[in-house]
Amino acid sequence: MATGKKPRVTVILECTSCVQNSANKSKKSPGISRYITQKNRHNTPDPLELRKFCRYCYKHTMHREINK
């Protein structure tokens, strides 16, 4: 059997509004919400974006894939 790149990879999703607040430093955020999930690199080659619940913002926000 050939051993190559596996189609499923683990990705980390990070809250975009928490990242903006920590960069502005005008609003002190207690942390940055992160989720770990998997995606199929053949079906979704672009960075993944999902609406998830942020426990620091207390609302559903856009979470974007980060490079690790």
Protein backbone atom coordinates (compact mmCIF):
# COMPACT_ATOMS: atom_id res chain seq x y z
CA MET A 1 0.00 0.00 0.00
CA ALA A 2 1.15 3.49 -0.77
CA THR A 3 1.74 5.80 2.15
CA GLY A 4 1.01 9.39 1.24
CA LYS A 5 -0.72 12.41 2.65
CA LYS A 6 -3.86 11.51 4.49
CA PRO A 7 -6.98 13.37 3.37
CA ARG A 8 -8.18 14.26 6.89
CA VAL A 9 -6.17 16.80 8.88
CA THR A 10 -6.66 18.32 12.32
CA VAL A 11 -7.25 22.09 12.31
CA ILE A 12 -7.63 24.74 15.02
CA LEU A 13 -10.43 27.31 14.75
CA GLU A 14 -9.93 30.66 16.52
CA CYS A 15 -12.52 33.36 17.31
CA THR A 16 -12.04 36.38 15.06
CA SER A 17 -13.67 38.93 17.38
CA CYS A 18 -11.50 37.92 20.37
CA VAL A 19 -8.37 38.25 18.24
CA GLN A 20 -9.41 41.75 17.10
CA ASN A 21 -10.16 42.82 20.68
CA SER A 22 -6.79 41.57 21.93
CA ALA A 23 -5.02 43.43 19.09
CA ASN A 24 -6.86 46.70 19.83
CA LYS A 25 -6.24 46.43 23.59
CA SER A 26 -9.16 48.80 24.12
CA LYS A 27 -11.30 45.96 25.44
CA LYS A 28 -9.56 43.46 27.69
CA SER A 29 -10.64 39.96 26.67
CA PRO A 30 -10.13 37.17 29.25
CA GLY A 31 -8.95 34.82 26.50
CA ILE A 32 -9.31 33.61 22.93
CA SER A 33 -11.82 30.90 22.10
CA ARG A 34 -10.37 27.95 20.17
CA TYR A 35 -11.91 24.75 18.81
CA ILE A 36 -10.14 21.67 17.45
CA THR A 37 -11.80 19.83 14.55
CA GLN A 38 -10.94 17.86 11.43
CA LYS A 39 -11.41 18.63 7.75
CA ASN A 40 -10.90 16.79 4.49
CA ARG A 41 -8.13 18.60 2.63
CA HIS A 42 -9.31 17.32 -0.77
CA ASN A 43 -12.89 18.64 -0.39
CA THR A 44 -12.03 21.90 1.42
CA PRO A 45 -8.59 23.17 0.38
CA ASP A 46 -9.43 26.74 1.51
CA PRO A 47 -9.16 27.79 5.18
CA LEU A 48 -12.21 26.68 7.16
CA GLU A 49 -14.61 29.27 8.63
CA LEU A 50 -17.48 28.27 10.93
CA ARG A 51 -19.87 30.08 13.26
CA LYS A 52 -19.24 28.67 16.74
CA PHE A 53 -20.09 29.78 20.27
CA CYS A 54 -17.39 31.89 21.94
CA ARG A 55 -17.45 31.52 25.72
CA TYR A 56 -15.55 34.80 26.18
CA CYS A 57 -17.85 36.90 23.95
CA TYR A 58 -20.98 34.97 25.10
CA LYS A 59 -22.35 34.79 21.55
CA HIS A 60 -21.94 32.95 18.25
CA THR A 61 -19.06 34.42 16.27
CA MET A 62 -17.04 33.52 13.19
CA HIS A 63 -14.14 31.16 13.93
CA ARG A 64 -11.37 30.92 11.33
CA GLU A 65 -8.73 28.26 10.80
CA ILE A 66 -5.26 29.20 12.00
CA ASN A 67 -1.92 27.84 10.80
CA LYS A 68 0.00 26.04 13.47
